[in-house]
N, C-alpha and C. Protein backbone atom coordinates (compact mmCIF):
# COMPACT_ATOMS: atom_id res chain seq x y z
N UNK A 1 115.14 94.31 89.24
CA UNK A 1 113.79 94.65 88.85
C UNK A 1 113.85 95.46 87.56
N UNK A 2 113.18 94.99 86.53
CA UNK A 2 113.13 95.73 85.28
C UNK A 2 111.86 96.57 85.24
N UNK A 3 111.79 97.45 84.23
CA UNK A 3 110.62 98.30 84.10
C UNK A 3 109.99 98.06 82.74
N UNK A 4 108.68 98.26 82.67
CA UNK A 4 108.02 98.22 81.37
C UNK A 4 106.99 99.34 81.34
N UNK A 5 106.66 99.80 80.15
CA UNK A 5 105.60 100.78 79.98
C UNK A 5 104.30 100.02 79.76
N UNK A 6 103.26 100.41 80.43
CA UNK A 6 101.98 99.75 80.18
C UNK A 6 100.98 100.79 79.72
N UNK A 7 99.72 100.40 79.61
CA UNK A 7 98.71 101.29 79.06
C UNK A 7 98.41 102.47 79.96
N UNK A 8 98.92 102.46 81.19
CA UNK A 8 98.70 103.59 82.09
C UNK A 8 99.69 104.71 81.83
N UNK A 9 100.61 104.52 80.91
CA UNK A 9 101.64 105.50 80.59
C UNK A 9 102.50 105.81 81.81
N UNK A 10 102.76 104.79 82.62
CA UNK A 10 103.69 104.95 83.74
C UNK A 10 104.46 103.65 83.85
N UNK A 11 105.72 103.77 84.26
CA UNK A 11 106.56 102.59 84.36
C UNK A 11 106.20 101.80 85.61
N UNK A 12 105.80 100.56 85.42
CA UNK A 12 105.51 99.67 86.54
C UNK A 12 106.63 98.65 86.66
N UNK A 13 107.00 98.29 87.87
CA UNK A 13 108.04 97.26 88.03
C UNK A 13 107.56 95.92 87.49
N UNK A 14 108.52 95.13 87.05
CA UNK A 14 108.26 93.73 86.71
C UNK A 14 109.14 92.92 87.65
N UNK A 15 108.50 92.18 88.55
CA UNK A 15 109.26 91.45 89.57
C UNK A 15 109.62 90.06 89.07
N UNK A 16 110.86 89.63 89.38
CA UNK A 16 111.26 88.28 89.00
C UNK A 16 110.71 87.29 90.03
N UNK A 17 111.00 86.01 89.83
CA UNK A 17 110.42 84.96 90.67
C UNK A 17 110.82 85.11 92.13
N UNK A 18 112.08 85.45 92.39
CA UNK A 18 112.54 85.60 93.78
C UNK A 18 111.88 86.81 94.43
N UNK A 19 111.84 87.93 93.72
CA UNK A 19 111.19 89.12 94.26
C UNK A 19 109.71 88.87 94.52
N UNK A 20 109.07 88.14 93.63
CA UNK A 20 107.66 87.81 93.81
C UNK A 20 107.46 86.98 95.07
N UNK A 21 108.36 86.03 95.32
CA UNK A 21 108.27 85.21 96.52
C UNK A 21 108.41 86.08 97.77
N UNK A 22 109.30 87.05 97.73
CA UNK A 22 109.50 87.95 98.87
C UNK A 22 108.27 88.83 99.08
N UNK A 23 107.70 89.33 97.99
CA UNK A 23 106.50 90.16 98.11
C UNK A 23 105.30 89.34 98.58
N UNK A 24 105.23 88.08 98.15
CA UNK A 24 104.19 87.18 98.68
C UNK A 24 104.35 87.01 100.19
N UNK A 25 105.60 86.91 100.63
CA UNK A 25 105.86 86.78 102.07
C UNK A 25 105.43 88.04 102.80
N UNK A 26 105.68 89.20 102.21
CA UNK A 26 105.26 90.46 102.83
C UNK A 26 103.74 90.51 102.94
N UNK A 27 103.05 90.13 101.88
CA UNK A 27 101.59 90.10 101.91
C UNK A 27 101.09 89.22 103.06
N UNK A 28 101.65 88.01 103.15
CA UNK A 28 101.20 87.06 104.17
C UNK A 28 101.47 87.59 105.58
N UNK A 29 102.62 88.18 105.78
CA UNK A 29 102.94 88.72 107.10
C UNK A 29 101.99 89.84 107.49
N UNK A 30 101.68 90.72 106.55
CA UNK A 30 100.76 91.82 106.84
C UNK A 30 99.39 91.28 107.23
N UNK A 31 98.88 90.33 106.44
CA UNK A 31 97.53 89.82 106.68
C UNK A 31 97.44 89.02 107.98
N UNK A 32 98.45 88.20 108.26
CA UNK A 32 98.38 87.28 109.41
C UNK A 32 98.85 87.93 110.71
N UNK A 33 99.93 88.73 110.63
CA UNK A 33 100.52 89.24 111.86
C UNK A 33 100.57 90.76 111.96
N UNK A 34 100.29 91.44 110.88
CA UNK A 34 100.27 92.90 110.91
C UNK A 34 101.54 93.51 110.35
N UNK A 35 101.46 94.79 110.07
CA UNK A 35 102.56 95.50 109.44
C UNK A 35 103.85 95.43 110.27
N UNK A 36 103.71 95.46 111.59
CA UNK A 36 104.90 95.45 112.46
C UNK A 36 105.73 94.18 112.31
N UNK A 37 105.11 93.12 111.78
CA UNK A 37 105.81 91.84 111.65
C UNK A 37 106.71 91.78 110.42
N UNK A 38 106.59 92.77 109.55
CA UNK A 38 107.38 92.75 108.32
C UNK A 38 108.78 93.29 108.60
N UNK A 39 109.69 92.38 108.84
CA UNK A 39 111.10 92.71 109.03
C UNK A 39 111.90 91.96 107.98
N UNK A 40 113.12 92.39 107.77
CA UNK A 40 113.96 91.69 106.80
C UNK A 40 114.15 90.23 107.22
N UNK A 41 114.35 90.00 108.51
CA UNK A 41 114.55 88.63 109.01
C UNK A 41 113.32 87.76 108.73
N UNK A 42 112.13 88.30 109.03
CA UNK A 42 110.91 87.53 108.80
C UNK A 42 110.64 87.32 107.33
N UNK A 43 110.90 88.33 106.52
CA UNK A 43 110.73 88.17 105.07
C UNK A 43 111.64 87.06 104.54
N UNK A 44 112.90 87.08 104.99
CA UNK A 44 113.86 86.07 104.54
C UNK A 44 113.41 84.68 104.97
N UNK A 45 112.97 84.55 106.21
CA UNK A 45 112.55 83.25 106.72
C UNK A 45 111.33 82.74 105.96
N UNK A 46 110.32 83.58 105.80
CA UNK A 46 109.08 83.14 105.16
C UNK A 46 109.27 82.88 103.66
N UNK A 47 110.11 83.69 103.02
CA UNK A 47 110.33 83.52 101.57
C UNK A 47 111.37 82.46 101.26
N UNK A 48 112.12 82.02 102.28
CA UNK A 48 113.14 81.01 102.06
C UNK A 48 114.34 81.54 101.28
N UNK A 49 114.70 82.79 101.58
CA UNK A 49 115.86 83.41 100.92
C UNK A 49 116.76 84.01 101.99
N UNK A 50 117.94 84.44 101.58
CA UNK A 50 118.85 85.08 102.52
C UNK A 50 118.53 86.57 102.65
N UNK A 51 118.98 87.18 103.74
CA UNK A 51 118.80 88.62 103.90
C UNK A 51 119.48 89.41 102.78
N UNK A 52 120.73 89.04 102.39
CA UNK A 52 121.36 89.78 101.29
C UNK A 52 120.54 89.74 100.00
N UNK A 53 119.81 88.64 99.78
CA UNK A 53 118.95 88.56 98.59
C UNK A 53 117.89 89.65 98.62
N UNK A 54 117.31 89.88 99.78
CA UNK A 54 116.29 90.93 99.92
C UNK A 54 116.92 92.31 99.72
N UNK A 55 118.09 92.50 100.32
CA UNK A 55 118.75 93.80 100.22
C UNK A 55 119.21 94.12 98.80
N UNK A 56 119.30 93.13 97.95
CA UNK A 56 119.65 93.40 96.55
C UNK A 56 118.52 94.13 95.83
N UNK A 57 117.30 93.98 96.34
CA UNK A 57 116.14 94.62 95.69
C UNK A 57 115.60 95.81 96.47
N UNK A 58 115.68 95.74 97.80
CA UNK A 58 115.07 96.78 98.63
C UNK A 58 116.03 97.20 99.74
N UNK A 59 115.96 98.47 100.10
CA UNK A 59 116.90 99.01 101.08
C UNK A 59 116.58 98.58 102.50
N UNK A 60 115.30 98.36 102.79
CA UNK A 60 114.89 97.95 104.14
C UNK A 60 113.49 97.36 104.06
N UNK A 61 112.95 96.98 105.22
CA UNK A 61 111.63 96.36 105.25
C UNK A 61 110.55 97.33 104.78
N UNK A 62 110.69 98.60 105.13
CA UNK A 62 109.72 99.61 104.72
C UNK A 62 109.67 99.70 103.19
N UNK A 63 110.82 99.65 102.56
CA UNK A 63 110.90 99.69 101.10
C UNK A 63 110.21 98.48 100.49
N UNK A 64 110.40 97.32 101.09
CA UNK A 64 109.74 96.10 100.59
C UNK A 64 108.23 96.18 100.76
N UNK A 65 107.78 96.76 101.88
CA UNK A 65 106.34 96.93 102.10
C UNK A 65 105.74 97.83 101.03
N UNK A 66 106.42 98.92 100.73
CA UNK A 66 105.91 99.83 99.69
C UNK A 66 105.83 99.12 98.34
N UNK A 67 106.79 98.26 98.05
CA UNK A 67 106.74 97.48 96.81
C UNK A 67 105.57 96.51 96.83
N UNK A 68 105.33 95.89 97.98
CA UNK A 68 104.20 94.96 98.10
C UNK A 68 102.88 95.68 97.89
N UNK A 69 102.74 96.88 98.46
CA UNK A 69 101.51 97.64 98.30
C UNK A 69 101.32 98.10 96.86
N UNK A 70 102.42 98.49 96.21
CA UNK A 70 102.34 98.85 94.80
C UNK A 70 101.88 97.66 93.97
N UNK A 71 102.42 96.50 94.27
CA UNK A 71 102.02 95.31 93.51
C UNK A 71 100.54 95.02 93.68
N UNK A 72 100.01 95.21 94.89
CA UNK A 72 98.58 94.97 95.11
C UNK A 72 97.74 95.91 94.24
N UNK A 73 98.14 97.19 94.18
CA UNK A 73 97.41 98.16 93.35
C UNK A 73 97.53 97.79 91.87
N UNK A 74 98.73 97.40 91.44
CA UNK A 74 98.93 97.00 90.05
C UNK A 74 98.06 95.81 89.68
N UNK A 75 97.92 94.86 90.60
CA UNK A 75 97.08 93.69 90.34
C UNK A 75 95.61 94.07 90.19
N UNK A 76 95.18 95.05 91.00
CA UNK A 76 93.79 95.52 90.87
C UNK A 76 93.60 96.22 89.53
N UNK A 77 94.50 97.12 89.19
CA UNK A 77 94.36 97.88 87.94
C UNK A 77 94.46 96.97 86.71
N UNK A 78 95.17 95.85 86.85
CA UNK A 78 95.30 94.91 85.73
C UNK A 78 93.96 94.30 85.36
N UNK A 79 92.97 94.40 86.26
CA UNK A 79 91.64 93.84 85.98
C UNK A 79 90.79 94.78 85.13
N UNK A 80 91.32 95.99 84.88
CA UNK A 80 90.61 96.95 84.04
C UNK A 80 91.23 96.92 82.64
N UNK A 81 90.44 97.29 81.65
CA UNK A 81 90.96 97.39 80.29
C UNK A 81 91.54 98.77 80.04
N UNK A 82 91.28 99.28 78.87
CA UNK A 82 91.73 100.63 78.53
C UNK A 82 91.04 101.64 79.44
N UNK A 83 91.68 102.80 79.66
CA UNK A 83 91.05 103.82 80.50
C UNK A 83 89.67 104.20 79.97
N UNK A 84 88.78 104.54 80.88
CA UNK A 84 87.43 104.97 80.52
C UNK A 84 87.51 106.24 79.67
N UNK A 85 86.45 106.49 78.89
CA UNK A 85 86.45 107.67 78.01
C UNK A 85 85.25 108.57 78.22
N UNK A 86 84.43 108.27 79.22
CA UNK A 86 83.29 109.14 79.55
C UNK A 86 83.25 109.35 81.06
N UNK A 87 82.56 110.41 81.48
CA UNK A 87 82.46 110.71 82.90
C UNK A 87 81.80 109.54 83.65
N UNK A 88 80.71 109.02 83.11
CA UNK A 88 80.01 107.92 83.78
C UNK A 88 80.91 106.69 83.92
N UNK A 89 81.67 106.40 82.88
CA UNK A 89 82.56 105.23 82.93
C UNK A 89 83.69 105.43 83.93
N UNK A 90 84.20 106.66 84.03
CA UNK A 90 85.25 106.94 85.02
C UNK A 90 84.72 106.69 86.42
N UNK A 91 83.55 107.24 86.71
CA UNK A 91 82.96 107.06 88.04
C UNK A 91 82.70 105.59 88.31
N UNK A 92 82.17 104.87 87.32
CA UNK A 92 81.95 103.43 87.48
C UNK A 92 83.27 102.71 87.81
N UNK A 93 84.34 103.06 87.10
CA UNK A 93 85.63 102.42 87.32
C UNK A 93 86.18 102.72 88.71
N UNK A 94 86.03 103.95 89.17
CA UNK A 94 86.54 104.30 90.50
C UNK A 94 85.75 103.54 91.57
N UNK A 95 84.45 103.43 91.41
CA UNK A 95 83.65 102.66 92.37
C UNK A 95 84.02 101.18 92.33
N UNK A 96 84.26 100.66 91.12
CA UNK A 96 84.69 99.25 91.01
C UNK A 96 86.07 99.08 91.64
N UNK A 97 86.98 100.03 91.37
CA UNK A 97 88.30 99.96 91.99
C UNK A 97 88.16 99.95 93.52
N UNK A 98 87.29 100.80 94.06
CA UNK A 98 87.09 100.87 95.51
C UNK A 98 86.62 99.53 96.06
N UNK A 99 85.71 98.88 95.35
CA UNK A 99 85.22 97.57 95.78
C UNK A 99 86.34 96.53 95.78
N UNK A 100 87.11 96.51 94.70
CA UNK A 100 88.22 95.56 94.61
C UNK A 100 89.30 95.86 95.65
N UNK A 101 89.56 97.14 95.89
CA UNK A 101 90.55 97.56 96.87
C UNK A 101 90.15 97.08 98.26
N UNK A 102 88.89 97.28 98.62
CA UNK A 102 88.40 96.87 99.94
C UNK A 102 88.37 95.35 100.09
N UNK A 103 88.25 94.63 98.96
CA UNK A 103 88.23 93.17 99.00
C UNK A 103 89.63 92.57 98.99
N UNK A 104 90.64 93.35 98.57
CA UNK A 104 92.01 92.85 98.54
C UNK A 104 92.43 92.47 99.96
N UNK A 105 92.98 91.28 100.19
CA UNK A 105 93.26 90.85 101.57
C UNK A 105 94.23 91.76 102.31
N UNK A 106 95.24 92.28 101.63
CA UNK A 106 96.21 93.15 102.31
C UNK A 106 95.57 94.48 102.67
N UNK A 107 94.93 95.13 101.71
CA UNK A 107 94.33 96.43 101.99
C UNK A 107 93.12 96.30 102.91
N UNK A 108 92.39 95.19 102.81
CA UNK A 108 91.26 94.97 103.74
C UNK A 108 91.77 94.91 105.17
N UNK A 109 92.89 94.20 105.38
CA UNK A 109 93.47 94.13 106.72
C UNK A 109 93.90 95.52 107.20
N UNK A 110 94.58 96.26 106.35
CA UNK A 110 95.07 97.58 106.77
C UNK A 110 93.92 98.52 107.11
N UNK A 111 92.89 98.54 106.27
CA UNK A 111 91.76 99.44 106.52
C UNK A 111 91.02 99.07 107.80
N UNK A 112 90.87 97.76 108.06
CA UNK A 112 90.09 97.32 109.21
C UNK A 112 90.90 97.25 110.50
N UNK A 113 92.15 96.80 110.41
CA UNK A 113 92.93 96.51 111.61
C UNK A 113 94.06 97.49 111.89
N UNK A 114 94.61 98.09 110.85
CA UNK A 114 95.76 98.99 111.03
C UNK A 114 95.59 100.28 110.22
N UNK A 115 94.52 101.03 110.50
CA UNK A 115 94.30 102.26 109.71
C UNK A 115 95.46 103.25 109.83
N UNK A 116 96.17 103.22 110.96
CA UNK A 116 97.32 104.13 111.10
C UNK A 116 98.43 103.75 110.13
N UNK A 117 98.58 102.46 109.86
CA UNK A 117 99.58 102.02 108.88
C UNK A 117 99.14 102.41 107.48
N UNK A 118 97.85 102.25 107.20
CA UNK A 118 97.33 102.68 105.90
C UNK A 118 97.58 104.17 105.71
N UNK A 119 97.34 104.94 106.75
CA UNK A 119 97.58 106.39 106.68
C UNK A 119 99.04 106.68 106.41
N UNK A 120 99.93 105.97 107.09
CA UNK A 120 101.36 106.23 106.92
C UNK A 120 101.82 105.90 105.51
N UNK A 121 101.34 104.80 104.97
CA UNK A 121 101.82 104.38 103.65
C UNK A 121 101.04 105.00 102.51
N UNK A 122 99.79 105.41 102.75
CA UNK A 122 98.97 105.89 101.64
C UNK A 122 98.67 107.38 101.68
N UNK A 123 98.68 107.98 102.85
CA UNK A 123 98.21 109.36 102.94
C UNK A 123 99.28 110.38 103.32
N UNK A 124 100.36 109.95 103.97
CA UNK A 124 101.34 110.93 104.43
C UNK A 124 102.24 111.45 103.31
N UNK A 125 102.34 110.71 102.23
CA UNK A 125 103.08 111.18 101.06
C UNK A 125 102.54 110.47 99.83
N UNK A 126 102.77 111.07 98.67
CA UNK A 126 102.33 110.44 97.43
C UNK A 126 103.40 109.44 97.01
N UNK A 127 103.07 108.17 97.13
CA UNK A 127 104.02 107.13 96.79
C UNK A 127 103.75 106.55 95.42
N UNK A 128 104.48 105.49 95.09
CA UNK A 128 104.36 104.90 93.76
C UNK A 128 102.96 104.34 93.50
N UNK A 129 102.31 103.80 94.53
CA UNK A 129 100.95 103.27 94.34
C UNK A 129 100.00 104.37 93.92
N UNK A 130 100.07 105.51 94.63
CA UNK A 130 99.19 106.63 94.29
C UNK A 130 99.51 107.19 92.91
N UNK A 131 100.79 107.21 92.55
CA UNK A 131 101.16 107.76 91.24
C UNK A 131 100.62 106.90 90.10
N UNK A 132 100.59 105.60 90.29
CA UNK A 132 100.01 104.70 89.29
C UNK A 132 98.52 104.98 89.16
N UNK A 133 97.83 105.12 90.29
CA UNK A 133 96.40 105.41 90.26
C UNK A 133 96.14 106.76 89.61
N UNK A 134 96.95 107.76 89.96
CA UNK A 134 96.78 109.10 89.37
C UNK A 134 96.97 109.08 87.86
N UNK A 135 97.95 108.32 87.38
CA UNK A 135 98.16 108.22 85.94
C UNK A 135 96.95 107.59 85.26
N UNK A 136 96.41 106.57 85.89
CA UNK A 136 95.22 105.88 85.36
C UNK A 136 94.04 106.84 85.29
N UNK A 137 93.81 107.59 86.37
CA UNK A 137 92.71 108.55 86.41
C UNK A 137 92.91 109.68 85.41
N UNK A 138 94.11 110.25 85.37
CA UNK A 138 94.37 111.39 84.49
C UNK A 138 94.19 111.00 83.02
N UNK A 139 94.61 109.78 82.66
CA UNK A 139 94.43 109.32 81.27
C UNK A 139 92.95 109.23 80.93
N UNK A 140 92.15 108.70 81.85
CA UNK A 140 90.71 108.59 81.62
C UNK A 140 90.06 109.97 81.55
N UNK A 141 90.45 110.87 82.45
CA UNK A 141 89.87 112.21 82.45
C UNK A 141 90.20 112.94 81.14
N UNK A 142 91.44 112.83 80.69
CA UNK A 142 91.82 113.45 79.42
C UNK A 142 91.00 112.92 78.26
N UNK A 143 90.78 111.60 78.22
CA UNK A 143 89.98 111.00 77.15
C UNK A 143 88.53 111.48 77.23
N UNK A 144 87.98 111.57 78.44
CA UNK A 144 86.59 112.01 78.60
C UNK A 144 86.44 113.50 78.26
N UNK A 145 87.48 114.28 78.49
CA UNK A 145 87.42 115.69 78.10
C UNK A 145 87.31 115.83 76.59
N UNK A 146 87.99 114.96 75.86
CA UNK A 146 87.91 115.01 74.40
C UNK A 146 86.52 114.64 73.91
N UNK A 147 85.78 113.89 74.75
CA UNK A 147 84.39 113.54 74.44
C UNK A 147 83.40 114.54 75.05
N UNK A 148 83.94 115.53 75.75
CA UNK A 148 83.15 116.65 76.32
C UNK A 148 82.19 116.23 77.43
N UNK A 149 82.51 115.12 78.12
CA UNK A 149 81.65 114.74 79.26
C UNK A 149 82.29 115.12 80.59
N UNK A 150 83.52 115.64 80.55
CA UNK A 150 84.23 116.10 81.75
C UNK A 150 84.66 117.55 81.52
N UNK A 151 84.58 118.36 82.56
CA UNK A 151 84.94 119.78 82.42
C UNK A 151 86.39 119.95 81.99
N UNK A 152 86.65 121.04 81.35
CA UNK A 152 87.95 121.28 80.73
C UNK A 152 88.90 121.98 81.71
N UNK A 153 89.43 121.22 82.63
CA UNK A 153 90.44 121.70 83.58
C UNK A 153 91.61 120.71 83.57
N UNK A 154 92.63 120.99 84.33
CA UNK A 154 93.83 120.15 84.37
C UNK A 154 93.47 118.72 84.80
N UNK A 155 93.66 117.71 83.93
CA UNK A 155 93.33 116.33 84.29
C UNK A 155 94.09 115.84 85.53
N UNK A 156 95.35 116.26 85.68
CA UNK A 156 96.13 115.83 86.83
C UNK A 156 95.54 116.36 88.13
N UNK A 157 95.15 117.63 88.12
CA UNK A 157 94.56 118.23 89.33
C UNK A 157 93.25 117.53 89.69
N UNK A 158 92.43 117.24 88.69
CA UNK A 158 91.17 116.54 88.96
C UNK A 158 91.43 115.12 89.44
N UNK A 159 92.45 114.47 88.87
CA UNK A 159 92.80 113.12 89.32
C UNK A 159 93.22 113.13 90.79
N UNK A 160 94.02 114.13 91.18
CA UNK A 160 94.45 114.24 92.57
C UNK A 160 93.24 114.39 93.49
N UNK A 161 92.29 115.25 93.11
CA UNK A 161 91.12 115.45 93.97
C UNK A 161 90.25 114.19 94.02
N UNK A 162 90.12 113.48 92.89
CA UNK A 162 89.37 112.22 92.92
C UNK A 162 90.04 111.22 93.86
N UNK A 163 91.37 111.16 93.82
CA UNK A 163 92.10 110.26 94.70
C UNK A 163 91.88 110.63 96.16
N UNK A 164 91.96 111.92 96.47
CA UNK A 164 91.78 112.37 97.86
C UNK A 164 90.38 112.03 98.37
N UNK A 165 89.37 112.30 97.55
CA UNK A 165 87.99 112.01 97.96
C UNK A 165 87.81 110.51 98.20
N UNK A 166 88.29 109.70 97.27
CA UNK A 166 88.09 108.26 97.36
C UNK A 166 88.89 107.65 98.51
N UNK A 167 90.16 108.09 98.68
CA UNK A 167 90.95 107.59 99.81
C UNK A 167 90.28 107.91 101.13
N UNK A 168 89.79 109.13 101.26
CA UNK A 168 89.13 109.53 102.50
C UNK A 168 87.89 108.68 102.75
N UNK A 169 87.11 108.44 101.70
CA UNK A 169 85.91 107.62 101.85
C UNK A 169 86.26 106.19 102.24
N UNK A 170 87.32 105.65 101.65
CA UNK A 170 87.75 104.29 101.98
C UNK A 170 88.25 104.19 103.42
N UNK A 171 89.06 105.16 103.83
CA UNK A 171 89.62 105.12 105.17
C UNK A 171 88.53 105.29 106.23
N UNK A 172 87.51 106.07 105.93
CA UNK A 172 86.46 106.35 106.91
C UNK A 172 85.29 105.37 106.83
N UNK A 173 85.32 104.48 105.86
CA UNK A 173 84.18 103.60 105.62
C UNK A 173 83.75 102.84 106.88
N UNK A 174 84.71 102.20 107.55
CA UNK A 174 84.36 101.44 108.74
C UNK A 174 83.86 102.32 109.87
N UNK A 175 84.42 103.51 109.99
CA UNK A 175 84.05 104.44 111.06
C UNK A 175 82.59 104.87 110.94
N UNK A 176 82.12 105.07 109.72
CA UNK A 176 80.78 105.62 109.53
C UNK A 176 79.76 104.55 109.18
N UNK A 177 80.13 103.28 109.28
CA UNK A 177 79.23 102.21 108.85
C UNK A 177 77.93 102.17 109.63
N UNK A 178 77.94 102.69 110.87
CA UNK A 178 76.70 102.73 111.65
C UNK A 178 75.83 103.93 111.27
N UNK A 179 76.39 104.87 110.53
CA UNK A 179 75.67 106.08 110.16
C UNK A 179 75.14 106.05 108.74
N UNK A 180 75.75 105.22 107.89
CA UNK A 180 75.36 105.18 106.49
C UNK A 180 75.50 103.75 105.99
N UNK A 181 74.46 103.25 105.32
CA UNK A 181 74.53 101.88 104.82
C UNK A 181 75.37 101.83 103.55
N UNK A 182 75.67 100.60 103.13
CA UNK A 182 76.58 100.41 102.00
C UNK A 182 76.06 101.07 100.72
N UNK A 183 74.78 100.89 100.44
CA UNK A 183 74.22 101.46 99.21
C UNK A 183 74.28 102.98 99.23
N UNK A 184 74.00 103.56 100.39
CA UNK A 184 74.05 105.02 100.49
C UNK A 184 75.48 105.54 100.40
N UNK A 185 76.42 104.82 101.00
CA UNK A 185 77.83 105.21 100.91
C UNK A 185 78.28 105.24 99.46
N UNK A 186 77.93 104.20 98.73
CA UNK A 186 78.32 104.13 97.32
C UNK A 186 77.62 105.23 96.51
N UNK A 187 76.34 105.44 96.79
CA UNK A 187 75.59 106.46 96.05
C UNK A 187 76.19 107.85 96.26
N UNK A 188 76.53 108.17 97.50
CA UNK A 188 77.06 109.50 97.79
C UNK A 188 78.48 109.68 97.28
N UNK A 189 79.29 108.62 97.32
CA UNK A 189 80.63 108.71 96.73
C UNK A 189 80.51 108.90 95.23
N UNK A 190 79.60 108.18 94.61
CA UNK A 190 79.38 108.32 93.17
C UNK A 190 78.95 109.75 92.82
N UNK A 191 78.05 110.32 93.62
CA UNK A 191 77.59 111.68 93.37
C UNK A 191 78.72 112.69 93.53
N UNK A 192 79.57 112.49 94.54
CA UNK A 192 80.69 113.42 94.77
C UNK A 192 81.67 113.37 93.59
N UNK A 193 81.97 112.17 93.10
CA UNK A 193 82.93 112.05 92.00
C UNK A 193 82.34 112.58 90.70
N UNK A 194 81.07 112.29 90.47
CA UNK A 194 80.41 112.79 89.26
C UNK A 194 80.34 114.31 89.28
N UNK A 195 80.04 114.87 90.44
CA UNK A 195 79.98 116.33 90.56
C UNK A 195 81.33 117.00 90.33
N UNK A 196 82.39 116.35 90.76
CA UNK A 196 83.74 116.88 90.56
C UNK A 196 84.06 116.97 89.06
N UNK A 197 83.61 116.00 88.29
CA UNK A 197 83.97 115.92 86.88
C UNK A 197 82.99 116.64 85.94
N UNK A 198 81.78 116.85 86.40
CA UNK A 198 80.73 117.35 85.51
C UNK A 198 81.06 118.73 84.94
N UNK A 199 80.84 118.93 83.63
CA UNK A 199 81.10 120.26 83.02
C UNK A 199 80.24 121.35 83.65
């Protein structure tokens, strides 16, 4: 796996054809059979490769899953252009990211069917997926500060809080769906994020 620098100012992996096939297998296993089904044996069988081939890239199935989740986040972020440069644009981008994240087949499955797995991979520690998102947010916050539409505090700290608020809202979305409709959920998340950034 090689690395490249992209516009997020963080090194993202570049997967070769074999690694991509293995990550595609991980995605399919998660969506169809759940996180527990992702084993080295199943990955090898579904991807049509040997177990040693998988071990050349990842230490175990958990490591491959984390790579698969990172790839899903990278694919979502690839749909955005340059980082936003105003508070309103940052909030718009985070809401759009949330919509795309919830529509992604792997993350949609985890949020709806295996929230404990989502918690383990997304909330118990800051992993590579979160670090990519944080870099994206911090770059946008820094740019918006130069335009004076975001308060002048540490962009990294604000990015972390935006991530925490948004992750919590995403994880709880299904739980509170009977208490708040979709439009209200989006409106209140937008207000919370805008209030966090407002000078």
